Amino acid sequence: EMDVWNYIKRENIKIPSLYIAHEREVVWRNNSWIPVSEFLKLEEGE
């Protein structure tokens, strides 16, 4: 993973904005932040 990022940085390769830290609506599930979307149904307590 480190090689990939060092190479992307060296070659200045365009990447999706998702890899860059940004504000997003998320929910805590399975010990990670899952994005809120039309496909996600919030459970009781979430």
All heavy atoms as atom14 arrays in JSON, in Angstrom:
{
  "sequence": "EMDVWNYIKRENIKIPSLYIAHEREVVWRNNSWIPVSEFLKLEEGE",
  "atom14_mask": [
    [1, 1, 1, 1, 1, 1, 1, 1, 1, 0, 0, 0, 0, 0],
    [1, 1, 1, 1, 1, 1, 1, 1, 0, 0, 0, 0, 0, 0],
    [1, 1, 1, 1, 1, 1, 1, 1, 0, 0, 0, 0, 0, 0],
    [1, 1, 1, 1, 1, 1, 1, 0, 0, 0, 0, 0, 0, 0],
    [1, 1, 1, 1, 1, 1, 1, 1, 1, 1, 1, 1, 1, 1],
    [1, 1, 1, 1, 1, 1, 1, 1, 0, 0, 0, 0, 0, 0],
    [1, 1, 1, 1, 1, 1, 1, 1, 1, 1, 1, 1, 0, 0],
    [1, 1, 1, 1, 1, 1, 1, 1, 0, 0, 0, 0, 0, 0],
    [1, 1, 1, 1, 1, 1, 1, 1, 1, 0, 0, 0, 0, 0],
    [1, 1, 1, 1, 1, 1, 1, 1, 1, 1, 1, 0, 0, 0],
    [1, 1, 1, 1, 1, 1, 1, 1, 1, 0, 0, 0, 0, 0],
    [1, 1, 1, 1, 1, 1, 1, 1, 0, 0, 0, 0, 0, 0],
    [1, 1, 1, 1, 1, 1, 1, 1, 0, 0, 0, 0, 0, 0],
    [1, 1, 1, 1, 1, 1, 1, 1, 1, 0, 0, 0, 0, 0],
    [1, 1, 1, 1, 1, 1, 1, 1, 0, 0, 0, 0, 0, 0],
    [1, 1, 1, 1, 1, 1, 1, 0, 0, 0, 0, 0, 0, 0],
    [1, 1, 1, 1, 1, 1, 0, 0, 0, 0, 0, 0, 0, 0],
    [1, 1, 1, 1, 1, 1, 1, 1, 0, 0, 0, 0, 0, 0],
    [1, 1, 1, 1, 1, 1, 1, 1, 1, 1, 1, 1, 0, 0],
    [1, 1, 1, 1, 1, 1, 1, 1, 0, 0, 0, 0, 0, 0],
    [1, 1, 1, 1, 1, 0, 0, 0, 0, 0, 0, 0, 0, 0],
    [1, 1, 1, 1, 1, 1, 1, 1, 1, 1, 0, 0, 0, 0],
    [1, 1, 1, 1, 1, 1, 1, 1, 1, 0, 0, 0, 0, 0],
    [1, 1, 1, 1, 1, 1, 1, 1, 1, 1, 1, 0, 0, 0],
    [1, 1, 1, 1, 1, 1, 1, 1, 1, 0, 0, 0, 0, 0],
    [1, 1, 1, 1, 1, 1, 1, 0, 0, 0, 0, 0, 0, 0],
    [1, 1, 1, 1, 1, 1, 1, 0, 0, 0, 0, 0, 0, 0],
    [1, 1, 1, 1, 1, 1, 1, 1, 1, 1, 1, 1, 1, 1],
    [1, 1, 1, 1, 1, 1, 1, 1, 1, 1, 1, 0, 0, 0],
    [1, 1, 1, 1, 1, 1, 1, 1, 0, 0, 0, 0, 0, 0],
    [1, 1, 1, 1, 1, 1, 1, 1, 0, 0, 0, 0, 0, 0],
    [1, 1, 1, 1, 1, 1, 0, 0, 0, 0, 0, 0, 0, 0],
    [1, 1, 1, 1, 1, 1, 1, 1, 1, 1, 1, 1, 1, 1],
    [1, 1, 1, 1, 1, 1, 1, 1, 0, 0, 0, 0, 0, 0],
    [1, 1, 1, 1, 1, 1, 1, 0, 0, 0, 0, 0, 0, 0],
    [1, 1, 1, 1, 1, 1, 1, 0, 0, 0, 0, 0, 0, 0],
    [1, 1, 1, 1, 1, 1, 0, 0, 0, 0, 0, 0, 0, 0],
    [1, 1, 1, 1, 1, 1, 1, 1, 1, 0, 0, 0, 0, 0],
    [1, 1, 1, 1, 1, 1, 1, 1, 1, 1, 1, 0, 0, 0],
    [1, 1, 1, 1, 1, 1, 1, 1, 0, 0, 0, 0, 0, 0],
    [1, 1, 1, 1, 1, 1, 1, 1, 1, 0, 0, 0, 0, 0],
    [1, 1, 1, 1, 1, 1, 1, 1, 0, 0, 0, 0, 0, 0],
    [1, 1, 1, 1, 1, 1, 1, 1, 1, 0, 0, 0, 0, 0],
    [1, 1, 1, 1, 1, 1, 1, 1, 1, 0, 0, 0, 0, 0],
    [1, 1, 1, 1, 0, 0, 0, 0, 0, 0, 0, 0, 0, 0],
    [1, 1, 1, 1, 1, 1, 1, 1, 1, 0, 0, 0, 0, 0]
  ],
  "atom14_positions": [
    [[0.84, -1.2, 0.0], [0.0, 0.0, 0.0], [0.87, 1.25, 0.0], [0.59, 2.23, -0.69], [-0.92, 0.0, 1.23], [-1.86, 1.19, 1.28], [-2.66, 1.28, 2.56], [-2.33, 0.56, 3.53], [-3.62, 2.07, 2.6], [0.0, 0.0, 0.0], [0.0, 0.0, 0.0], [0.0, 0.0, 0.0], [0.0, 0.0, 0.0], [0.0, 0.0, 0.0]],
    [[1.96, 1.2, 0.77], [2.87, 2.35, 0.83], [3.53, 2.61, -0.52], [3.67, 3.76, -0.95], [3.95, 2.08, 1.89], [4.8, 3.29, 2.23], [3.83, 4.53, 3.12], [5.09, 5.77, 3.37], [0.0, 0.0, 0.0], [0.0, 0.0, 0.0], [0.0, 0.0, 0.0], [0.0, 0.0, 0.0], [0.0, 0.0, 0.0], [0.0, 0.0, 0.0]],
    [[3.93, 1.53, -1.21], [4.52, 1.68, -2.55], [3.53, 2.36, -3.49], [3.91, 3.24, -4.28], [4.9, 0.32, -3.12], [5.96, -0.41, -2.32], [6.77, 0.27, -1.66], [5.97, -1.66, -2.36], [0.0, 0.0, 0.0], [0.0, 0.0, 0.0], [0.0, 0.0, 0.0], [0.0, 0.0, 0.0], [0.0, 0.0, 0.0], [0.0, 0.0, 0.0]],
    [[2.28, 1.92, -3.43], [1.25, 2.46, -4.32], [1.12, 3.97, -4.12], [1.12, 4.75, -5.08], [-0.1, 1.76, -4.08], [-1.22, 2.49, -4.83], [-0.03, 0.31, -4.53], [0.0, 0.0, 0.0], [0.0, 0.0, 0.0], [0.0, 0.0, 0.0], [0.0, 0.0, 0.0], [0.0, 0.0, 0.0], [0.0, 0.0, 0.0], [0.0, 0.0, 0.0]],
    [[1.04, 4.39, -2.85], [0.85, 5.81, -2.6], [2.1, 6.62, -2.94], [1.99, 7.75, -3.45], [0.43, 6.04, -1.15], [-1.02, 5.73, -0.93], [-1.55, 4.74, -0.16], [-2.13, 6.4, -1.53], [-2.91, 4.75, -0.24], [-3.3, 5.76, -1.07], [-2.24, 7.49, -2.41], [-4.57, 6.17, -1.46], [-3.51, 7.89, -2.8], [-4.66, 7.23, -2.33]],
    [[3.27, 6.08, -2.66], [4.49, 6.8, -3.04], [4.58, 6.96, -4.55], [5.02, 8.0, -5.05], [5.72, 6.05, -2.52], [6.04, 6.38, -1.09], [5.87, 7.52, -0.65], [6.5, 5.41, -0.32], [0.0, 0.0, 0.0], [0.0, 0.0, 0.0], [0.0, 0.0, 0.0], [0.0, 0.0, 0.0], [0.0, 0.0, 0.0], [0.0, 0.0, 0.0]],
    [[4.15, 5.94, -5.29], [4.2, 6.0, -6.75], [3.15, 6.98, -7.29], [3.43, 7.77, -8.2], [3.99, 4.61, -7.35], [4.23, 4.54, -8.84], [5.53, 4.45, -9.35], [3.17, 4.56, -9.74], [5.75, 4.38, -10.71], [3.39, 4.49, -11.1], [4.67, 4.4, -11.59], [4.89, 4.34, -12.94], [0.0, 0.0, 0.0], [0.0, 0.0, 0.0]],
    [[1.94, 6.92, -6.73], [0.88, 7.86, -7.13], [1.35, 9.3, -6.91], [1.14, 10.18, -7.76], [-0.41, 7.58, -6.35], [-1.07, 6.29, -6.87], [-1.4, 8.74, -6.46], [-2.27, 5.83, -6.06], [0.0, 0.0, 0.0], [0.0, 0.0, 0.0], [0.0, 0.0, 0.0], [0.0, 0.0, 0.0], [0.0, 0.0, 0.0], [0.0, 0.0, 0.0]],
    [[2.01, 9.52, -5.78], [2.53, 10.86, -5.47], [3.62, 11.24, -6.46], [3.64, 12.36, -6.99], [3.07, 10.88, -4.03], [3.68, 12.19, -3.58], [4.05, 12.12, -2.11], [4.81, 13.36, -1.67], [6.19, 13.37, -2.21], [0.0, 0.0, 0.0], [0.0, 0.0, 0.0], [0.0, 0.0, 0.0], [0.0, 0.0, 0.0], [0.0, 0.0, 0.0]],
    [[4.55, 10.34, -6.73], [5.65, 10.63, -7.65], [5.16, 10.93, -9.05], [5.63, 11.85, -9.72], [6.63, 9.45, -7.69], [7.9, 9.77, -8.48], [8.81, 8.57, -8.61], [8.43, 7.69, -9.73], [9.19, 6.68, -10.16], [10.33, 6.41, -9.55], [8.79, 5.93, -11.17], [0.0, 0.0, 0.0], [0.0, 0.0, 0.0], [0.0, 0.0, 0.0]],
    [[4.18, 10.12, -9.52], [3.7, 10.24, -10.9], [2.55, 11.25, -11.02], [2.09, 11.52, -12.13], [3.22, 8.87, -11.39], [4.28, 7.8, -11.4], [5.26, 7.95, -12.55], [4.81, 7.95, -13.71], [6.47, 8.07, -12.28], [0.0, 0.0, 0.0], [0.0, 0.0, 0.0], [0.0, 0.0, 0.0], [0.0, 0.0, 0.0], [0.0, 0.0, 0.0]],
    [[2.1, 11.76, -9.89], [0.98, 12.71, -9.87], [-0.24, 12.14, -10.6], [-0.85, 12.78, -11.46], [1.39, 14.05, -10.49], [0.41, 15.16, -10.13], [-0.24, 15.13, -9.09], [0.3, 16.15, -11.02], [0.0, 0.0, 0.0], [0.0, 0.0, 0.0], [0.0, 0.0, 0.0], [0.0, 0.0, 0.0], [0.0, 0.0, 0.0], [0.0, 0.0, 0.0]],
    [[-0.61, 10.91, -10.23], [-1.73, 10.21, -10.86], [-3.04, 10.7, -10.25], [-3.18, 10.8, -9.03], [-1.59, 8.68, -10.65], [-0.28, 8.18, -11.28], [-2.78, 7.95, -11.23], [0.04, 6.74, -10.94], [0.0, 0.0, 0.0], [0.0, 0.0, 0.0], [0.0, 0.0, 0.0], [0.0, 0.0, 0.0], [0.0, 0.0, 0.0], [0.0, 0.0, 0.0]],
    [[-4.0, 10.98, -11.1], [-5.31, 11.42, -10.62], [-6.03, 10.26, -9.93], [-6.01, 9.13, -10.43], [-6.16, 11.92, -11.79], [-5.73, 13.28, -12.32], [-6.74, 13.86, -13.29], [-6.78, 13.08, -14.59], [-7.65, 13.75, -15.61], [0.0, 0.0, 0.0], [0.0, 0.0, 0.0], [0.0, 0.0, 0.0], [0.0, 0.0, 0.0], [0.0, 0.0, 0.0]],
    [[-6.67, 10.54, -8.81], [-7.4, 9.53, -8.05], [-8.76, 10.1, -7.66], [-8.95, 11.32, -7.62], [-6.64, 9.1, -6.78], [-6.3, 10.32, -5.92], [-5.39, 8.3, -7.12], [-5.74, 10.0, -4.56], [0.0, 0.0, 0.0], [0.0, 0.0, 0.0], [0.0, 0.0, 0.0], [0.0, 0.0, 0.0], [0.0, 0.0, 0.0], [0.0, 0.0, 0.0]],
    [[-9.75, 9.25, -7.35], [-11.05, 9.75, -6.9], [-10.93, 10.52, -5.59], [-10.07, 10.21, -4.75], [-11.88, 8.47, -6.71], [-11.21, 7.45, -7.57], [-9.75, 7.79, -7.53], [0.0, 0.0, 0.0], [0.0, 0.0, 0.0], [0.0, 0.0, 0.0], [0.0, 0.0, 0.0], [0.0, 0.0, 0.0], [0.0, 0.0, 0.0], [0.0, 0.0, 0.0]],
    [[-11.78, 11.48, -5.41], [-11.74, 12.32, -4.21], [-12.02, 11.52, -2.94], [-11.73, 11.98, -1.83], [-12.77, 13.45, -4.34], [-14.08, 12.91, -4.51], [0.0, 0.0, 0.0], [0.0, 0.0, 0.0], [0.0, 0.0, 0.0], [0.0, 0.0, 0.0], [0.0, 0.0, 0.0], [0.0, 0.0, 0.0], [0.0, 0.0, 0.0], [0.0, 0.0, 0.0]],
    [[-12.56, 10.3, -3.09], [-12.89, 9.47, -1.94], [-11.66, 9.12, -1.11], [-11.78, 8.83, 0.09], [-13.57, 8.18, -2.41], [-14.9, 8.36, -3.14], [-15.25, 7.13, -3.95], [-16.01, 8.67, -2.14], [0.0, 0.0, 0.0], [0.0, 0.0, 0.0], [0.0, 0.0, 0.0], [0.0, 0.0, 0.0], [0.0, 0.0, 0.0], [0.0, 0.0, 0.0]],
    [[-10.5, 9.1, -1.73], [-9.26, 8.77, -1.01], [-8.73, 9.94, -0.19], [-7.85, 9.77, 0.64], [-8.18, 8.32, -2.0], [-8.4, 6.94, -2.56], [-8.74, 6.75, -3.89], [-8.28, 5.81, -1.76], [-8.94, 5.49, -4.42], [-8.48, 4.54, -2.26], [-8.81, 4.39, -3.59], [-9.02, 3.13, -4.1], [0.0, 0.0, 0.0], [0.0, 0.0, 0.0]],
    [[-9.26, 11.13, -0.45], [-8.83, 12.34, 0.25], [-9.8, 12.63, 1.38], [-11.02, 12.51, 1.22], [-8.79, 13.54, -0.72], [-7.95, 13.22, -1.97], [-8.26, 14.78, -0.02], [-6.5, 12.99, -1.71], [0.0, 0.0, 0.0], [0.0, 0.0, 0.0], [0.0, 0.0, 0.0], [0.0, 0.0, 0.0], [0.0, 0.0, 0.0], [0.0, 0.0, 0.0]],
    [[-9.29, 13.0, 2.54], [-10.14, 13.29, 3.7], [-11.14, 14.4, 3.37], [-10.76, 15.45, 2.83], [-9.29, 13.67, 4.89], [0.0, 0.0, 0.0], [0.0, 0.0, 0.0], [0.0, 0.0, 0.0], [0.0, 0.0, 0.0], [0.0, 0.0, 0.0], [0.0, 0.0, 0.0], [0.0, 0.0, 0.0], [0.0, 0.0, 0.0], [0.0, 0.0, 0.0]],
    [[-12.41, 14.14, 3.66], [-13.47, 15.1, 3.38], [-14.64, 14.81, 4.3], [-14.75, 13.73, 4.87], [-13.92, 15.0, 1.91], [-14.46, 13.65, 1.56], [-13.67, 12.51, 1.48], [-15.73, 13.23, 1.28], [-14.41, 11.47, 1.16], [-15.66, 11.87, 1.04], [0.0, 0.0, 0.0], [0.0, 0.0, 0.0], [0.0, 0.0, 0.0], [0.0, 0.0, 0.0]],
    [[-15.53, 15.77, 4.45], [-16.7, 15.57, 5.3], [-17.73, 14.72, 4.57], [-18.02, 14.95, 3.4], [-17.32, 16.91, 5.71], [-16.63, 17.55, 6.9], [-17.59, 18.39, 7.75], [-18.71, 18.67, 7.27], [-17.22, 18.74, 8.87], [0.0, 0.0, 0.0], [0.0, 0.0, 0.0], [0.0, 0.0, 0.0], [0.0, 0.0, 0.0], [0.0, 0.0, 0.0]],
    [[-18.28, 13.75, 5.29], [-19.29, 12.87, 4.69], [-20.22, 12.36, 5.79], [-19.8, 12.18, 6.94], [-18.62, 11.69, 3.99], [-19.57, 10.93, 3.08], [-18.88, 9.8, 2.36], [-19.72, 9.32, 1.28], [-19.5, 9.53, 0.0], [-18.45, 10.2, -0.38], [-20.32, 9.05, -0.91], [0.0, 0.0, 0.0], [0.0, 0.0, 0.0], [0.0, 0.0, 0.0]],
    [[-21.45, 12.09, 5.43], [-22.41, 11.54, 6.38], [-22.18, 10.04, 6.46], [-22.22, 9.33, 5.45], [-23.84, 11.85, 5.93], [-24.85, 11.75, 7.05], [-26.23, 12.25, 6.65], [-26.49, 12.36, 5.44], [-27.04, 12.5, 7.56], [0.0, 0.0, 0.0], [0.0, 0.0, 0.0], [0.0, 0.0, 0.0], [0.0, 0.0, 0.0], [0.0, 0.0, 0.0]],
    [[-21.96, 9.55, 7.68], [-21.61, 8.14, 7.89], [-22.33, 7.61, 9.13], [-22.85, 8.36, 9.94], [-20.08, 7.96, 8.07], [-19.34, 8.21, 6.76], [-19.55, 8.87, 9.18], [0.0, 0.0, 0.0], [0.0, 0.0, 0.0], [0.0, 0.0, 0.0], [0.0, 0.0, 0.0], [0.0, 0.0, 0.0], [0.0, 0.0, 0.0], [0.0, 0.0, 0.0]],
    [[-22.3, 6.28, 9.25], [-22.86, 5.64, 10.44], [-21.85, 4.6, 10.94], [-21.18, 3.96, 10.13], [-24.23, 4.99, 10.13], [-24.09, 3.88, 9.09], [-24.89, 4.44, 11.39], [0.0, 0.0, 0.0], [0.0, 0.0, 0.0], [0.0, 0.0, 0.0], [0.0, 0.0, 0.0], [0.0, 0.0, 0.0], [0.0, 0.0, 0.0], [0.0, 0.0, 0.0]],
    [[-21.74, 4.44, 12.25], [-20.79, 3.5, 12.83], [-21.39, 2.1, 12.81], [-22.4, 1.82, 13.42], [-20.44, 3.9, 14.25], [-19.37, 3.05, 14.88], [-19.54, 2.15, 15.89], [-17.98, 3.03, 14.55], [-18.34, 1.57, 16.22], [-17.35, 2.09, 15.41], [-17.19, 3.7, 13.62], [-15.99, 1.81, 15.36], [-15.84, 3.43, 13.57], [-15.25, 2.49, 14.43]],
    [[-20.78, 1.21, 12.02], [-21.29, -0.16, 11.88], [-20.12, -1.09, 11.6], [-19.24, -0.77, 10.8], [-22.32, -0.25, 10.75], [-22.91, -1.64, 10.55], [-23.9, -1.67, 9.4], [-25.15, -0.97, 9.7], [-26.19, -0.91, 8.86], [-26.12, -1.49, 7.67], [-27.29, -0.26, 9.2], [0.0, 0.0, 0.0], [0.0, 0.0, 0.0], [0.0, 0.0, 0.0]],
    [[-20.11, -2.26, 12.23], [-19.04, -3.25, 12.05], [-17.66, -2.64, 12.28], [-16.7, -2.89, 11.55], [-19.11, -3.87, 10.65], [-20.32, -4.73, 10.45], [-20.84, -5.32, 11.4], [-20.82, -4.79, 9.22], [0.0, 0.0, 0.0], [0.0, 0.0, 0.0], [0.0, 0.0, 0.0], [0.0, 0.0, 0.0], [0.0, 0.0, 0.0], [0.0, 0.0, 0.0]],
    [[-17.59, -1.77, 13.29], [-16.33, -1.15, 13.72], [-15.68, -0.28, 12.64], [-14.46, -0.16, 12.56], [-15.33, -2.22, 14.17], [-15.77, -2.93, 15.43], [-16.23, -2.28, 16.38], [-15.68, -4.25, 15.45], [0.0, 0.0, 0.0], [0.0, 0.0, 0.0], [0.0, 0.0, 0.0], [0.0, 0.0, 0.0], [0.0, 0.0, 0.0], [0.0, 0.0, 0.0]],
    [[-16.5, 0.32, 11.79], [-15.97, 1.29, 10.83], [-17.08, 2.25, 10.42], [-18.27, 2.0, 10.69], [-15.37, 0.6, 9.6], [-16.34, -0.19, 8.95], [0.0, 0.0, 0.0], [0.0, 0.0, 0.0], [0.0, 0.0, 0.0], [0.0, 0.0, 0.0], [0.0, 0.0, 0.0], [0.0, 0.0, 0.0], [0.0, 0.0, 0.0], [0.0, 0.0, 0.0]],
    [[-16.71, 3.34, 9.78], [-17.67, 4.35, 9.36], [-18.19, 4.02, 7.96], [-17.48, 4.16, 6.98], [-17.04, 5.74, 9.38], [-16.72, 6.22, 10.77], [-15.49, 6.35, 11.33], [-17.66, 6.64, 11.76], [-15.59, 6.83, 12.62], [-16.91, 7.02, 12.9], [-19.06, 6.74, 11.8], [-17.52, 7.48, 14.07], [-19.67, 7.21, 12.96], [-18.9, 7.57, 14.08]],
    [[-19.45, 3.58, 7.88], [-20.08, 3.21, 6.61], [-20.84, 4.42, 6.07], [-21.6, 5.06, 6.8], [-21.05, 2.02, 6.79], [-20.31, 0.8, 7.37], [-21.71, 1.67, 5.46], [-19.24, 0.23, 6.49], [0.0, 0.0, 0.0], [0.0, 0.0, 0.0], [0.0, 0.0, 0.0], [0.0, 0.0, 0.0], [0.0, 0.0, 0.0], [0.0, 0.0, 0.0]],
    [[-20.65, 4.76, 4.78], [-21.32, 5.93, 4.21], [-22.84, 5.77, 4.19], [-23.36, 4.69, 3.9], [-20.78, 6.0, 2.78], [-19.58, 5.12, 2.77], [-19.79, 4.08, 3.79], [0.0, 0.0, 0.0], [0.0, 0.0, 0.0], [0.0, 0.0, 0.0], [0.0, 0.0, 0.0], [0.0, 0.0, 0.0], [0.0, 0.0, 0.0], [0.0, 0.0, 0.0]],
    [[-23.53, 6.84, 4.48], [-24.98, 6.87, 4.35], [-25.31, 7.0, 2.87], [-24.73, 7.81, 2.15], [-25.59, 8.05, 5.14], [-27.08, 8.18, 4.84], [-25.36, 7.85, 6.63], [0.0, 0.0, 0.0], [0.0, 0.0, 0.0], [0.0, 0.0, 0.0], [0.0, 0.0, 0.0], [0.0, 0.0, 0.0], [0.0, 0.0, 0.0], [0.0, 0.0, 0.0]],
    [[-26.22, 6.16, 2.39], [-26.61, 6.19, 0.98], [-28.04, 5.68, 0.86], [-28.65, 5.25, 1.84], [-25.68, 5.31, 0.14], [-25.9, 3.94, 0.42], [0.0, 0.0, 0.0], [0.0, 0.0, 0.0], [0.0, 0.0, 0.0], [0.0, 0.0, 0.0], [0.0, 0.0, 0.0], [0.0, 0.0, 0.0], [0.0, 0.0, 0.0], [0.0, 0.0, 0.0]],
    [[-28.57, 5.71, -0.36], [-29.92, 5.21, -0.6], [-30.05, 3.72, -0.35], [-31.14, 3.19, -0.19], [-30.33, 5.51, -2.05], [-29.42, 4.86, -3.08], [-29.8, 5.18, -4.5], [-30.96, 4.9, -4.89], [-28.94, 5.74, -5.22], [0.0, 0.0, 0.0], [0.0, 0.0, 0.0], [0.0, 0.0, 0.0], [0.0, 0.0, 0.0], [0.0, 0.0, 0.0]],
    [[-28.9, 3.03, -0.3], [-28.91, 1.57, -0.12], [-28.78, 1.16, 1.35], [-28.86, -0.02, 1.67], [-27.77, 0.94, -0.91], [-27.72, 1.37, -2.35], [-26.7, 2.17, -2.8], [-28.73, 1.01, -3.23], [-26.65, 2.59, -4.12], [-28.7, 1.41, -4.55], [-27.65, 2.21, -5.0], [0.0, 0.0, 0.0], [0.0, 0.0, 0.0], [0.0, 0.0, 0.0]],
    [[-28.54, 2.14, 2.23], [-28.3, 1.84, 3.64], [-29.54, 2.13, 4.47], [-30.04, 3.25, 4.48], [-27.11, 2.66, 4.16], [-26.69, 2.37, 5.6], [-25.95, 1.05, 5.69], [-25.82, 3.5, 6.14], [0.0, 0.0, 0.0], [0.0, 0.0, 0.0], [0.0, 0.0, 0.0], [0.0, 0.0, 0.0], [0.0, 0.0, 0.0], [0.0, 0.0, 0.0]],
    [[-30.01, 1.11, 5.17], [-31.16, 1.29, 6.06], [-30.64, 1.35, 7.49], [-30.01, 0.41, 7.98], [-32.15, 0.13, 5.9], [-33.38, 0.26, 6.78], [-34.33, -0.93, 6.59], [-35.54, -0.8, 7.5], [-36.47, -1.95, 7.37], [0.0, 0.0, 0.0], [0.0, 0.0, 0.0], [0.0, 0.0, 0.0], [0.0, 0.0, 0.0], [0.0, 0.0, 0.0]],
    [[-30.89, 2.47, 8.15], [-30.43, 2.63, 9.52], [-31.21, 1.71, 10.46], [-32.43, 1.6, 10.37], [-30.58, 4.08, 9.97], [-29.69, 5.12, 9.29], [-29.97, 6.5, 9.85], [-28.22, 4.76, 9.44], [0.0, 0.0, 0.0], [0.0, 0.0, 0.0], [0.0, 0.0, 0.0], [0.0, 0.0, 0.0], [0.0, 0.0, 0.0], [0.0, 0.0, 0.0]],
    [[-30.47, 1.03, 11.33], [-31.09, 0.15, 12.32], [-31.42, 0.96, 13.57], [-30.94, 2.08, 13.76], [-30.11, -0.98, 12.68], [-29.74, -1.87, 11.51], [-30.88, -2.76, 11.07], [-31.53, -3.35, 11.95], [-31.12, -2.85, 9.86], [0.0, 0.0, 0.0], [0.0, 0.0, 0.0], [0.0, 0.0, 0.0], [0.0, 0.0, 0.0], [0.0, 0.0, 0.0]],
    [[-32.24, 0.37, 14.44], [-32.6, 1.03, 15.69], [-31.33, 1.3, 16.51], [-30.49, 0.41, 16.69], [-33.56, 0.16, 16.5], [-34.11, 0.84, 17.74], [-35.13, -0.01, 18.48], [-35.59, -1.02, 17.9], [-35.45, 0.32, 19.63], [0.0, 0.0, 0.0], [0.0, 0.0, 0.0], [0.0, 0.0, 0.0], [0.0, 0.0, 0.0], [0.0, 0.0, 0.0]],
    [[-31.17, 2.52, 16.94], [-30.01, 2.89, 17.74], [-28.87, 3.46, 16.91], [-27.93, 4.03, 17.47], [0.0, 0.0, 0.0], [0.0, 0.0, 0.0], [0.0, 0.0, 0.0], [0.0, 0.0, 0.0], [0.0, 0.0, 0.0], [0.0, 0.0, 0.0], [0.0, 0.0, 0.0], [0.0, 0.0, 0.0], [0.0, 0.0, 0.0], [0.0, 0.0, 0.0]],
    [[-28.92, 3.29, 15.59], [-27.88, 3.86, 14.73], [-28.22, 5.32, 14.4], [-29.39, 5.67, 14.22], [-27.73, 3.06, 13.44], [-27.11, 1.69, 13.64], [-26.91, 0.96, 12.33], [-27.69, 1.19, 11.39], [-25.98, 0.13, 12.27], [0.0, 0.0, 0.0], [0.0, 0.0, 0.0], [0.0, 0.0, 0.0], [0.0, 0.0, 0.0], [0.0, 0.0, 0.0]]
  ]
}
